[in-house]
Amino acid sequence: MTRYYKRKHKNDENDLFKIIVSLFSLYAIYLFILWFGDRGNFWRWVFYGLIVLISIIAGIILCNKIKTKTKERRIEKITNNIKETGLEEYINNFISSYGIGRQEKKQKSWNYRDYSIAWYRINDLNKFLKEKNILFSNRDICLLLKEYIEKREYKKMIESSKANSYYFKDLNSGGTDFEKLLYRLYEKMGYVVQLTGKAGDQGGDLVIAKEGKRIIVQAKCYQDLVNNGAIQEAVAAKGIYNCDSATVVTTSDFTNGALELAKVNYVYLINGKKLRELLLHYLEEVWI
């Protein structure tokens, strides 16, 4: 519905622009005829044309101001509704979970700044809000997400200027430093964390648990792209460590083959971009 509205709204604007251009083209032709046939009326119609042009410009400016004010009031009403129902943290978690990374890149998605959220996720969010007696259109949902993304990005900018900077390249090549970093991160996220912490760990570096669910985590402190092998190891480790699901975390990114294999096997992927977001949000550390 939202995409249809945007297309229709854009088409209406294009049609109006075409009409205005056509009228001014006819007006220019008429002035051209008057210049050679009736100089007296020519200057009169030039004056009339200037008045109409000024009126159109003033009308456009006024309409834009009204549109901006209306949008601001709508956004304020939407965000106040979310605050009053205590769902701000839920919206922020929704953006963190589904707006960062490449897991759903091939899905039809809503995009804003560096965030991309699959439309079916937005529909699910809308259904959840309706269950809480919050009746938003998908257009309202998009306005809400934009507002919270703007707040997140501003907060990130402020925190980045205050936080210390760390470098993934300074972590030891054996991977234990990276595993300890993830240990701190997942603890801060509310998980019970266990390091497997030994050579031949069967593709699992950490076991994390929350709300009765066990997850095997494979840590890949790489500069190169992570390939299919890491996904296969994580799937095997899930059974070995008796876990419900598997996650692969990397400081870089994943190959297309790894993304496809992870999707088929329900392995959750966290790439470098999303990892940096989580580290900044939970540990207040900037990692580069």
C-alpha atoms as a PDB file:
ATOM      1  CA  MET A   1       0.000   0.000   0.000  1.00  0.00           C
ATOM      2  CA  THR A   2       2.807   2.407   0.872  1.00  0.00           C
ATOM      3  CA  ARG A   3       4.705   1.724  -2.325  1.00  0.00           C
ATOM      4  CA  TYR A   4       1.527   2.134  -4.340  1.00  0.00           C
ATOM      5  CA  TYR A   5       0.882   5.439  -2.608  1.00  0.00           C
ATOM      6  CA  LYS A   6       4.407   6.654  -3.375  1.00  0.00           C
ATOM      7  CA  ARG A   7       4.146   5.685  -7.042  1.00  0.00           C
ATOM      8  CA  LYS A   8       0.707   7.313  -7.364  1.00  0.00           C
ATOM      9  CA  HIS A   9       1.872  10.446  -5.543  1.00  0.00           C
ATOM     10  CA  LYS A  10       4.956  10.687  -7.748  1.00  0.00           C
ATOM     11  CA  ASN A  11       2.886  10.165 -10.904  1.00  0.00           C
ATOM     12  CA  ASP A  12       0.457  12.924  -9.830  1.00  0.00           C
ATOM     13  CA  GLU A  13       3.374  15.313  -9.332  1.00  0.00           C
ATOM     14  CA  ASN A  14       4.821  14.396 -12.735  1.00  0.00           C
ATOM     15  CA  ASP A  15       1.429  14.942 -14.428  1.00  0.00           C
ATOM     16  CA  LEU A  16       1.061  18.368 -12.771  1.00  0.00           C
ATOM     17  CA  PHE A  17       4.581  19.327 -13.865  1.00  0.00           C
ATOM     18  CA  LYS A  18       3.816  18.278 -17.445  1.00  0.00           C
ATOM     19  CA  ILE A  19       0.622  20.380 -17.459  1.00  0.00           C
ATOM     20  CA  ILE A  20       2.508  23.449 -16.178  1.00  0.00           C
ATOM     21  CA  VAL A  21       5.266  22.994 -18.781  1.00  0.00           C
ATOM     22  CA  SER A  22       2.666  22.609 -21.544  1.00  0.00           C
ATOM     23  CA  LEU A  23       0.823  25.803 -20.474  1.00  0.00           C
ATOM     24  CA  PHE A  24       4.033  27.816 -20.343  1.00  0.00           C
ATOM     25  CA  SER A  25       5.043  26.465 -23.750  1.00  0.00           C
ATOM     26  CA  LEU A  26       1.728  27.683 -25.198  1.00  0.00           C
ATOM     27  CA  TYR A  27       2.218  30.978 -23.370  1.00  0.00           C
ATOM     28  CA  ALA A  28       5.713  31.383 -24.885  1.00  0.00           C
ATOM     29  CA  ILE A  29       4.320  30.693 -28.371  1.00  0.00           C
ATOM     30  CA  TYR A  30       1.560  33.257 -27.787  1.00  0.00           C
ATOM     31  CA  LEU A  31       4.151  35.871 -26.692  1.00  0.00           C
ATOM     32  CA  PHE A  32       6.213  35.095 -29.772  1.00  0.00           C
ATOM     33  CA  ILE A  33       3.172  35.775 -31.997  1.00  0.00           C
ATOM     34  CA  LEU A  34       2.370  39.005 -30.121  1.00  0.00           C
ATOM     35  CA  TRP A  35       5.944  40.271 -30.472  1.00  0.00           C
ATOM     36  CA  PHE A  36       5.602  40.317 -34.220  1.00  0.00           C
ATOM     37  CA  GLY A  37       1.883  41.198 -34.399  1.00  0.00           C
ATOM     38  CA  ASP A  38       0.853  43.318 -31.406  1.00  0.00           C
ATOM     39  CA  ARG A  39       3.672  44.879 -29.345  1.00  0.00           C
ATOM     40  CA  GLY A  40       1.238  46.713 -27.061  1.00  0.00           C
ATOM     41  CA  ASN A  41      -0.446  43.498 -25.868  1.00  0.00           C
ATOM     42  CA  PHE A  42       2.926  41.745 -25.732  1.00  0.00           C
ATOM     43  CA  TRP A  43       4.125  43.730 -22.697  1.00  0.00           C
ATOM     44  CA  ARG A  44       0.740  43.412 -21.021  1.00  0.00           C
ATOM     45  CA  TRP A  45       0.846  39.630 -21.322  1.00  0.00           C
ATOM     46  CA  VAL A  46       4.452  39.550 -20.120  1.00  0.00           C
ATOM     47  CA  PHE A  47       3.249  41.372 -16.983  1.00  0.00           C
ATOM     48  CA  TYR A  48       0.367  38.905 -16.576  1.00  0.00           C
ATOM     49  CA  GLY A  49       2.800  36.016 -17.011  1.00  0.00           C
ATOM     50  CA  LEU A  50       5.108  37.361 -14.302  1.00  0.00           C
ATOM     51  CA  ILE A  51       2.190  37.661 -11.881  1.00  0.00           C
ATOM     52  CA  VAL A  52       1.117  34.063 -12.607  1.00  0.00           C
ATOM     53  CA  LEU A  53       4.708  32.800 -12.262  1.00  0.00           C
ATOM     54  CA  ILE A  54       5.186  34.562  -8.928  1.00  0.00           C
ATOM     55  CA  SER A  55       1.830  33.218  -7.723  1.00  0.00           C
ATOM     56  CA  ILE A  56       2.805  29.646  -8.700  1.00  0.00           C
ATOM     57  CA  ILE A  57       6.168  29.901  -6.936  1.00  0.00           C
ATOM     58  CA  ALA A  58       4.524  31.353  -3.821  1.00  0.00           C
ATOM     59  CA  GLY A  59       1.906  28.592  -3.921  1.00  0.00           C
ATOM     60  CA  ILE A  60       4.554  25.874  -4.186  1.00  0.00           C
ATOM     61  CA  ILE A  61       6.510  27.343  -1.242  1.00  0.00           C
ATOM     62  CA  LEU A  62       3.338  27.609   0.848  1.00  0.00           C
ATOM     63  CA  CYS A  63       2.261  24.044  -0.029  1.00  0.00           C
ATOM     64  CA  ASN A  64       5.697  22.689   0.898  1.00  0.00           C
ATOM     65  CA  LYS A  65       5.589  24.496   4.256  1.00  0.00           C
ATOM     66  CA  ILE A  66       2.116  23.144   4.997  1.00  0.00           C
ATOM     67  CA  LYS A  67       3.217  19.658   3.922  1.00  0.00           C
ATOM     68  CA  THR A  68       6.306  19.846   6.166  1.00  0.00           C
ATOM     69  CA  LYS A  69       4.308  21.037   9.176  1.00  0.00           C
ATOM     70  CA  THR A  70       1.672  18.353   8.634  1.00  0.00           C
ATOM     71  CA  LYS A  71       4.383  15.684   8.396  1.00  0.00           C
ATOM     72  CA  GLU A  72       6.092  16.949  11.564  1.00  0.00           C
ATOM     73  CA  ARG A  73       2.801  16.850  13.485  1.00  0.00           C
ATOM     74  CA  ARG A  74       2.115  13.338  12.192  1.00  0.00           C
ATOM     75  CA  ILE A  75       5.589  12.125  13.210  1.00  0.00           C
ATOM     76  CA  GLU A  76       5.180  13.692  16.662  1.00  0.00           C
ATOM     77  CA  LYS A  77       1.818  11.953  17.116  1.00  0.00           C
ATOM     78  CA  ILE A  78       3.243   8.583  15.991  1.00  0.00           C
ATOM     79  CA  THR A  79       6.342   8.748  18.220  1.00  0.00           C
ATOM     80  CA  ASN A  80       4.315   9.932  21.227  1.00  0.00           C
ATOM     81  CA  ASN A  81       2.045   6.930  20.742  1.00  0.00           C
ATOM     82  CA  ILE A  82       5.073   4.614  20.812  1.00  0.00           C
ATOM     83  CA  LYS A  83       6.513   6.327  23.913  1.00  0.00           C
ATOM     84  CA  GLU A  84       3.219   6.178  25.793  1.00  0.00           C
ATOM     85  CA  THR A  85       2.916   2.434  25.180  1.00  0.00           C
ATOM     86  CA  GLY A  86       6.547   1.781  26.214  1.00  0.00           C
ATOM     87  CA  LEU A  87       7.599   0.329  22.856  1.00  0.00           C
ATOM     88  CA  GLU A  88      10.623   2.531  22.101  1.00  0.00           C
ATOM     89  CA  GLU A  89      13.097  -0.227  22.989  1.00  0.00           C
ATOM     90  CA  TYR A  90      11.145  -2.683  20.833  1.00  0.00           C
ATOM     91  CA  ILE A  91      11.372  -0.345  17.806  1.00  0.00           C
ATOM     92  CA  ASN A  92      15.111   0.172  18.347  1.00  0.00           C
ATOM     93  CA  ASN A  93      15.643  -3.592  18.642  1.00  0.00           C
ATOM     94  CA  PHE A  94      13.584  -4.106  15.479  1.00  0.00           C
ATOM     95  CA  ILE A  95      15.862  -1.714  13.569  1.00  0.00           C
ATOM     96  CA  SER A  96      18.998  -3.382  14.997  1.00  0.00           C
ATOM     97  CA  SER A  97      17.763  -6.878  14.152  1.00  0.00           C
ATOM     98  CA  TYR A  98      16.379  -6.324  10.664  1.00  0.00           C
ATOM     99  CA  GLY A  99      17.812  -3.035   9.409  1.00  0.00           C
ATOM    100  CA  ILE A 100      21.535  -3.740   9.546  1.00  0.00           C
ATOM    101  CA  GLY A 101      23.408  -6.326   7.473  1.00  0.00           C
ATOM    102  CA  ARG A 102      22.818  -8.286   4.274  1.00  0.00           C
ATOM    103  CA  GLN A 103      20.769 -11.296   5.352  1.00  0.00           C
ATOM    104  CA  GLU A 104      17.657 -10.167   3.470  1.00  0.00           C
ATOM    105  CA  LYS A 105      19.281  -8.259   0.650  1.00  0.00           C
ATOM    106  CA  LYS A 106      17.389 -10.149  -2.082  1.00  0.00           C
ATOM    107  CA  GLN A 107      14.007  -9.476  -0.477  1.00  0.00           C
ATOM    108  CA  LYS A 108      11.921  -6.504  -1.601  1.00  0.00           C
ATOM    109  CA  SER A 109      12.829  -3.946   0.994  1.00  0.00           C
ATOM    110  CA  TRP A 110      12.303  -0.457   2.343  1.00  0.00           C
ATOM    111  CA  ASN A 111      15.558   1.508   2.333  1.00  0.00           C
ATOM    112  CA  TYR A 112      16.643   4.588   4.240  1.00  0.00           C
ATOM    113  CA  ARG A 113      20.208   5.828   4.674  1.00  0.00           C
ATOM    114  CA  ASP A 114      22.311   2.666   5.241  1.00  0.00           C
ATOM    115  CA  TYR A 115      19.359   0.654   6.550  1.00  0.00           C
ATOM    116  CA  SER A 116      17.364  -1.905   4.591  1.00  0.00           C
ATOM    117  CA  ILE A 117      14.311  -3.708   6.006  1.00  0.00           C
ATOM    118  CA  ALA A 118      12.331  -6.363   4.128  1.00  0.00           C
ATOM    119  CA  TRP A 119       8.712  -5.332   3.514  1.00  0.00           C
ATOM    120  CA  TYR A 120       7.369  -8.513   5.083  1.00  0.00           C
ATOM    121  CA  ARG A 121       9.196  -7.524   8.294  1.00  0.00           C
ATOM    122  CA  ILE A 122       7.440  -4.137   8.231  1.00  0.00           C
ATOM    123  CA  ASN A 123       4.103  -5.900   7.728  1.00  0.00           C
ATOM    124  CA  ASP A 124       4.899  -8.130  10.726  1.00  0.00           C
ATOM    125  CA  LEU A 125       5.696  -5.031  12.798  1.00  0.00           C
ATOM    126  CA  ASN A 126       2.387  -3.493  11.773  1.00  0.00           C
ATOM    127  CA  LYS A 127       0.523  -6.634  12.871  1.00  0.00           C
ATOM    128  CA  PHE A 128       2.342  -6.590  16.222  1.00  0.00           C
ATOM    129  CA  LEU A 129       1.386  -2.944  16.803  1.00  0.00           C
ATOM    130  CA  LYS A 130      -2.243  -3.698  15.935  1.00  0.00           C
ATOM    131  CA  GLU A 131      -2.210  -6.376  18.629  1.00  0.00           C
ATOM    132  CA  LYS A 132      -1.200  -3.562  21.014  1.00  0.00           C
ATOM    133  CA  ASN A 133      -4.155  -1.478  19.737  1.00  0.00           C
ATOM    134  CA  ILE A 134      -1.838   0.867  17.816  1.00  0.00           C
ATOM    135  CA  LEU A 135      -3.339   1.403  14.384  1.00  0.00           C
ATOM    136  CA  PHE A 136      -0.670   2.622  11.956  1.00  0.00           C
ATOM    137  CA  SER A 137      -0.615   2.474   8.179  1.00  0.00           C
ATOM    138  CA  ASN A 138       2.572   1.180   6.518  1.00  0.00           C
ATOM    139  CA  ARG A 139       3.292   4.804   5.626  1.00  0.00           C
ATOM    140  CA  ASP A 140       3.143   5.663   9.340  1.00  0.00           C
ATOM    141  CA  ILE A 141       5.494   2.757  10.075  1.00  0.00           C
ATOM    142  CA  CYS A 142       8.015   4.128   7.569  1.00  0.00           C
ATOM    143  CA  LEU A 143       7.818   7.597   9.127  1.00  0.00           C
ATOM    144  CA  LEU A 144       8.355   6.011  12.544  1.00  0.00           C
ATOM    145  CA  LEU A 145      11.371   4.004  11.378  1.00  0.00           C
ATOM    146  CA  LYS A 146      12.902   7.065   9.707  1.00  0.00           C
ATOM    147  CA  GLU A 147      12.543   9.071  12.911  1.00  0.00           C
ATOM    148  CA  TYR A 148      14.197   6.398  15.067  1.00  0.00           C
ATOM    149  CA  ILE A 149      16.954   5.808  12.526  1.00  0.00           C
ATOM    150  CA  GLU A 150      17.698   9.544  12.527  1.00  0.00           C
ATOM    151  CA  LYS A 151      17.884   9.489  16.335  1.00  0.00           C
ATOM    152  CA  ARG A 152      20.169   6.426  16.260  1.00  0.00           C
ATOM    153  CA  GLU A 153      22.507   8.005  13.721  1.00  0.00           C
ATOM    154  CA  TYR A 154      22.701  11.270  15.686  1.00  0.00           C
ATOM    155  CA  LYS A 155      23.373   9.368  18.916  1.00  0.00           C
ATOM    156  CA  LYS A 156      25.989   7.276  17.124  1.00  0.00           C
ATOM    157  CA  MET A 157      27.728  10.427  15.914  1.00  0.00           C
ATOM    158  CA  ILE A 158      27.800  11.893  19.441  1.00  0.00           C
ATOM    159  CA  GLU A 159      28.962   8.625  20.997  1.00  0.00           C
ATOM    160  CA  SER A 160      31.609   8.135  18.321  1.00  0.00           C
ATOM    161  CA  SER A 161      33.157  11.473  19.215  1.00  0.00           C
ATOM    162  CA  LYS A 162      33.358  10.411  22.880  1.00  0.00           C
ATOM    163  CA  ALA A 163      34.206   6.735  22.614  1.00  0.00           C
ATOM    164  CA  ASN A 164      37.663   5.208  22.270  1.00  0.00           C
ATOM    165  CA  SER A 165      38.588   3.667  18.937  1.00  0.00           C
ATOM    166  CA  TYR A 166      39.839   0.095  18.616  1.00  0.00           C
ATOM    167  CA  TYR A 167      41.108  -1.836  15.606  1.00  0.00           C
ATOM    168  CA  PHE A 168      40.168  -5.384  14.616  1.00  0.00           C
ATOM    169  CA  LYS A 169      43.583  -5.761  12.978  1.00  0.00           C
ATOM    170  CA  ASP A 170      45.213  -5.429  16.420  1.00  0.00           C
ATOM    171  CA  LEU A 171      43.474  -8.581  17.696  1.00  0.00           C
ATOM    172  CA  ASN A 172      45.725 -11.635  17.771  1.00  0.00           C
ATOM    173  CA  SER A 173      45.780 -13.969  14.795  1.00  0.00           C
ATOM    174  CA  GLY A 174      44.704 -16.965  16.883  1.00  0.00           C
ATOM    175  CA  GLY A 175      41.270 -15.471  17.378  1.00  0.00           C
ATOM    176  CA  THR A 176      41.131 -15.633  21.185  1.00  0.00           C
ATOM    177  CA  ASP A 177      41.043 -11.832  21.525  1.00  0.00           C
ATOM    178  CA  PHE A 178      38.087 -11.686  19.147  1.00  0.00           C
ATOM    179  CA  GLU A 179      36.307 -14.460  21.047  1.00  0.00           C
ATOM    180  CA  LYS A 180      36.797 -12.555  24.317  1.00  0.00           C
ATOM    181  CA  LEU A 181      35.411  -9.415  22.665  1.00  0.00           C
ATOM    182  CA  LEU A 182      32.301 -11.342  21.601  1.00  0.00           C
ATOM    183  CA  TYR A 183      32.086 -12.790  25.117  1.00  0.00           C
ATOM    184  CA  ARG A 184      31.842  -9.245  26.535  1.00  0.00           C
ATOM    185  CA  LEU A 185      29.354  -8.217  23.841  1.00  0.00           C
ATOM    186  CA  TYR A 186      26.958 -11.121  24.344  1.00  0.00           C
ATOM    187  CA  GLU A 187      27.138 -10.769  28.137  1.00  0.00           C
ATOM    188  CA  LYS A 188      26.139  -7.126  27.764  1.00  0.00           C
ATOM    189  CA  MET A 189      23.277  -8.251  25.505  1.00  0.00           C
ATOM    190  CA  GLY A 190      21.934 -10.388  28.341  1.00  0.00           C
ATOM    191  CA  TYR A 191      23.192 -13.838  27.334  1.00  0.00           C
ATOM    192  CA  VAL A 192      24.840 -16.462  29.510  1.00  0.00           C
ATOM    193  CA  VAL A 193      28.112 -17.041  27.656  1.00  0.00           C
ATOM    194  CA  GLN A 194      30.538 -19.955  27.611  1.00  0.00           C
ATOM    195  CA  LEU A 195      33.832 -19.986  25.720  1.00  0.00           C
ATOM    196  CA  THR A 196      34.705 -23.367  24.221  1.00  0.00           C
ATOM    197  CA  GLY A 197      38.253 -21.970  24.253  1.00  0.00           C
ATOM    198  CA  LYS A 198      40.356 -24.777  22.856  1.00  0.00           C
ATOM    199  CA  ALA A 199      41.905 -25.976  19.625  1.00  0.00           C
ATOM    200  CA  GLY A 200      39.749 -28.308  17.581  1.00  0.00           C
ATOM    201  CA  ASP A 201      36.553 -26.682  18.837  1.00  0.00           C
ATOM    202  CA  GLN A 202      34.528 -28.369  16.068  1.00  0.00           C
ATOM    203  CA  GLY A 203      33.509 -25.046  14.503  1.00  0.00           C
ATOM    204  CA  GLY A 204      32.122 -23.478  17.689  1.00  0.00           C
ATOM    205  CA  ASP A 205      33.859 -20.721  19.651  1.00  0.00           C
ATOM    206  CA  LEU A 206      31.129 -19.635  22.084  1.00  0.00           C
ATOM    207  CA  VAL A 207      27.890 -21.075  23.369  1.00  0.00           C
ATOM    208  CA  ILE A 208      25.376 -18.414  24.374  1.00  0.00           C
ATOM    209  CA  ALA A 209      22.040 -18.978  26.071  1.00  0.00           C
ATOM    210  CA  LYS A 210      18.949 -16.902  26.804  1.00  0.00           C
ATOM    211  CA  GLU A 211      15.343 -17.816  27.604  1.00  0.00           C
ATOM    212  CA  GLY A 212      16.085 -21.528  27.344  1.00  0.00           C
ATOM    213  CA  LYS A 213      17.634 -21.290  23.861  1.00  0.00           C
ATOM    214  CA  ARG A 214      21.250 -22.324  23.212  1.00  0.00           C
ATOM    215  CA  ILE A 215      23.151 -20.823  20.273  1.00  0.00           C
ATOM    216  CA  ILE A 216      26.557 -21.847  18.957  1.00  0.00           C
ATOM    217  CA  VAL A 217      28.643 -18.877  17.789  1.00  0.00           C
ATOM    218  CA  GLN A 218      31.524 -19.148  15.361  1.00  0.00           C
ATOM    219  CA  ALA A 219      33.925 -16.180  15.397  1.00  0.00           C
ATOM    220  CA  LYS A 220      35.774 -15.227  12.214  1.00  0.00           C
ATOM    221  CA  CYS A 221      38.202 -12.326  12.662  1.00  0.00           C
ATOM    222  CA  TYR A 222      38.908 -12.035   8.932  1.00  0.00           C
ATOM    223  CA  GLN A 223      39.837  -9.334   6.474  1.00  0.00           C
ATOM    224  CA  ASP A 224      38.765 -11.503   3.544  1.00  0.00           C
ATOM    225  CA  LEU A 225      35.188 -12.620   2.854  1.00  0.00           C
ATOM    226  CA  VAL A 226      33.917 -15.602   4.837  1.00  0.00           C
ATOM    227  CA  ASN A 227      32.991 -18.524   2.549  1.00  0.00           C
ATOM    228  CA  ASN A 228      30.753 -21.616   2.673  1.00  0.00           C
ATOM    229  CA  GLY A 229      33.145 -23.541   4.901  1.00  0.00           C
ATOM    230  CA  ALA A 230      32.332 -21.420   7.925  1.00  0.00           C
ATOM    231  CA  ILE A 231      28.601 -22.050   7.463  1.00  0.00           C
ATOM    232  CA  GLN A 232      29.127 -25.809   7.166  1.00  0.00           C
ATOM    233  CA  GLU A 233      31.255 -25.796  10.339  1.00  0.00           C
ATOM    234  CA  ALA A 234      28.599 -23.827  12.237  1.00  0.00           C
ATOM    235  CA  VAL A 235      25.846 -26.261  11.171  1.00  0.00           C
ATOM    236  CA  ALA A 236      27.976 -29.207  12.339  1.00  0.00           C
ATOM    237  CA  ALA A 237      28.859 -27.499  15.633  1.00  0.00           C
ATOM    238  CA  LYS A 238      25.171 -26.873  16.372  1.00  0.00           C
ATOM    239  CA  GLY A 239      24.624 -30.617  16.687  1.00  0.00           C
ATOM    240  CA  ILE A 240      27.885 -31.293  18.506  1.00  0.00           C
ATOM    241  CA  TYR A 241      27.171 -28.682  21.208  1.00  0.00           C
ATOM    242  CA  ASN A 242      23.445 -29.524  21.401  1.00  0.00           C
ATOM    243  CA  CYS A 243      22.341 -26.029  20.388  1.00  0.00           C
ATOM    244  CA  ASP A 244      19.056 -24.801  18.942  1.00  0.00           C
ATOM    245  CA  SER A 245      20.626 -22.529  16.320  1.00  0.00           C
ATOM    246  CA  ALA A 246      23.941 -21.244  14.973  1.00  0.00           C
ATOM    247  CA  THR A 247      25.462 -17.824  14.362  1.00  0.00           C
ATOM    248  CA  VAL A 248      28.582 -16.813  12.441  1.00  0.00           C
ATOM    249  CA  VAL A 249      30.169 -13.465  13.340  1.00  0.00           C
ATOM    250  CA  THR A 250      32.879 -11.845  11.246  1.00  0.00           C
ATOM    251  CA  THR A 251      34.766  -8.569  11.126  1.00  0.00           C
ATOM    252  CA  SER A 252      34.486  -8.568   7.317  1.00  0.00           C
ATOM    253  CA  ASP A 253      31.569  -9.901   5.227  1.00  0.00           C
ATOM    254  CA  PHE A 254      30.241 -13.055   3.568  1.00  0.00           C
ATOM    255  CA  THR A 255      30.436 -14.426   0.045  1.00  0.00           C
ATOM    256  CA  ASN A 256      27.177 -14.825  -1.880  1.00  0.00           C
ATOM    257  CA  GLY A 257      27.562 -18.581  -1.573  1.00  0.00           C
ATOM    258  CA  ALA A 258      27.848 -18.304   2.217  1.00  0.00           C
ATOM    259  CA  LEU A 259      24.750 -16.096   2.334  1.00  0.00           C
ATOM    260  CA  GLU A 260      22.735 -18.632   0.322  1.00  0.00           C
ATOM    261  CA  LEU A 261      23.930 -21.599   2.385  1.00  0.00           C
ATOM    262  CA  ALA A 262      23.197 -19.769   5.642  1.00  0.00           C
ATOM    263  CA  LYS A 263      19.671 -18.979   4.481  1.00  0.00           C
ATOM    264  CA  VAL A 264      18.949 -22.611   3.633  1.00  0.00           C
ATOM    265  CA  ASN A 265      20.331 -23.844   6.973  1.00  0.00           C
ATOM    266  CA  TYR A 266      18.880 -21.020   9.107  1.00  0.00           C
ATOM    267  CA  VAL A 267      22.309 -19.821  10.250  1.00  0.00           C
ATOM    268  CA  TYR A 268      22.230 -16.221  11.490  1.00  0.00           C
ATOM    269  CA  LEU A 269      25.012 -14.039  10.074  1.00  0.00           C
ATOM    270  CA  ILE A 270      26.554 -10.921  11.589  1.00  0.00           C
ATOM    271  CA  ASN A 271      28.908  -9.079   9.260  1.00  0.00           C
ATOM    272  CA  GLY A 272      31.451  -6.402  10.171  1.00  0.00           C
ATOM    273  CA  LYS A 273      29.045  -3.526   9.674  1.00  0.00           C
ATOM    274  CA  LYS A 274      26.401  -4.951  11.971  1.00  0.00           C
ATOM    275  CA  LEU A 275      29.020  -6.057  14.503  1.00  0.00           C
ATOM    276  CA  ARG A 276      30.374  -2.498  14.753  1.00  0.00           C
ATOM    277  CA  GLU A 277      26.811  -1.252  15.344  1.00  0.00           C
ATOM    278  CA  LEU A 278      26.319  -3.755  18.169  1.00  0.00           C
ATOM    279  CA  LEU A 279      29.686  -2.980  19.771  1.00  0.00           C
ATOM    280  CA  LEU A 280      28.942   0.736  19.745  1.00  0.00           C
ATOM    281  CA  HIS A 281      25.418   0.257  21.073  1.00  0.00           C
ATOM    282  CA  TYR A 282      26.148  -2.234  23.870  1.00  0.00           C
ATOM    283  CA  LEU A 283      29.822  -1.674  24.767  1.00  0.00           C
ATOM    284  CA  GLU A 284      30.086   1.981  23.653  1.00  0.00           C
ATOM    285  CA  GLU A 285      33.265   1.131  21.762  1.00  0.00           C
ATOM    286  CA  VAL A 286      34.176   2.200  18.246  1.00  0.00           C
ATOM    287  CA  TRP A 287      35.793  -0.630  16.288  1.00  0.00           C
ATOM    288  CA  ILE A 288      37.442  -0.085  12.941  1.00  0.00           C
END
